[in-house]
Protein backbone atom coordinates (compact mmCIF):
# COMPACT_ATOMS: atom_id res chain seq x y z
CA UNK A 1 18.80 -4.91 23.67
CA UNK A 2 22.00 -5.01 22.72
CA UNK A 3 24.41 -7.91 24.87
CA UNK A 4 21.55 -8.05 27.32
CA UNK A 5 21.29 -4.84 28.03
CA UNK A 6 18.17 -3.79 29.79
CA UNK A 7 16.83 -7.23 30.28
CA UNK A 8 14.51 -6.55 33.10
CA UNK A 9 11.52 -9.31 32.97
CA UNK A 10 12.55 -12.75 34.08
CA UNK A 11 10.47 -15.71 32.64
CA UNK A 12 10.27 -18.86 34.44
CA UNK A 13 9.42 -22.33 32.48
CA UNK A 14 9.53 -26.31 33.26
CA UNK A 15 10.80 -28.79 30.98
CA UNK A 16 10.76 -32.42 30.79
CA UNK A 17 14.10 -33.98 30.56
CA UNK A 18 13.74 -34.92 27.49
CA UNK A 19 13.26 -30.76 26.10
CA UNK A 20 16.03 -30.12 28.35
CA UNK A 21 18.09 -32.47 26.62
CA UNK A 22 16.98 -31.40 22.81
CA UNK A 23 17.45 -27.53 24.04
CA UNK A 24 20.95 -28.31 25.06
CA UNK A 25 22.01 -30.37 22.17
CA UNK A 26 20.70 -27.54 20.22
CA UNK A 27 23.13 -24.71 22.00
CA UNK A 28 26.45 -27.33 22.32
CA UNK A 29 25.57 -27.33 18.47
CA UNK A 30 25.31 -23.86 17.72
CA UNK A 31 28.02 -23.03 20.41
CA UNK A 32 25.70 -20.75 22.47
CA UNK A 33 27.13 -19.06 25.84
CA UNK A 34 23.97 -20.50 28.18
CA UNK A 35 20.29 -21.93 27.82
CA UNK A 36 19.42 -18.44 28.19
CA UNK A 37 20.76 -17.35 25.04
CA UNK A 38 19.76 -20.62 23.14
CA UNK A 39 16.06 -20.00 24.20
CA UNK A 40 16.05 -16.63 23.22
CA UNK A 41 17.46 -17.46 19.66
CA UNK A 42 14.95 -20.10 19.84
CA UNK A 43 12.15 -17.80 20.10
CA UNK A 44 13.24 -15.65 17.81
CA UNK A 45 13.72 -18.03 15.69
CA UNK A 46 10.07 -19.40 16.13
CA UNK A 47 8.62 -15.82 15.89
CA UNK A 48 10.42 -14.98 12.88
CA UNK A 49 8.82 -18.07 11.22
CA UNK A 50 5.32 -16.88 12.32
CA UNK A 51 5.80 -13.29 11.12
CA UNK A 52 6.51 -11.67 14.32
CA UNK A 53 9.40 -9.38 14.30
CA UNK A 54 10.95 -7.08 16.98
CA UNK A 55 9.30 -3.41 17.07
CA UNK A 56 11.63 -0.97 16.17
CA UNK A 57 13.10 1.18 18.91
CA UNK A 58 10.46 4.23 19.67
CA UNK A 59 8.20 2.77 17.32
CA UNK A 60 4.62 3.73 18.26
CA UNK A 61 1.87 1.70 18.25
CA UNK A 62 -0.37 3.84 15.54
CA UNK A 63 3.20 2.56 13.10
CA UNK A 64 1.67 -1.16 12.85
CA UNK A 65 -1.15 -1.38 10.95
CA UNK A 66 -2.79 -4.56 8.81
CA UNK A 67 -1.54 -3.22 5.27
CA UNK A 68 2.02 -1.49 5.09
CA UNK A 69 5.37 -1.35 5.98
CA UNK A 70 6.32 -2.84 9.41
CA UNK A 71 8.94 -0.38 11.56
CA UNK A 72 12.70 -1.17 10.91
CA UNK A 73 14.31 -3.29 13.46
CA UNK A 74 16.51 -1.69 16.10
């Protein structure tokens, strides 16, 4: 997904005022263009910290095993 192309799914979340303030602080500190961009970045960082990475474009489910290499990213 390059620069927002092909984003066909919408995800709605509700945040408290305090959570929104923290999100906006992160967004402005990192000079991000939108709240959506900040949320995507935080999701990417959180998933990477837990060992999850983006699947390679065109990767097949059989390529994801318990042992072995993870398919290359996009």
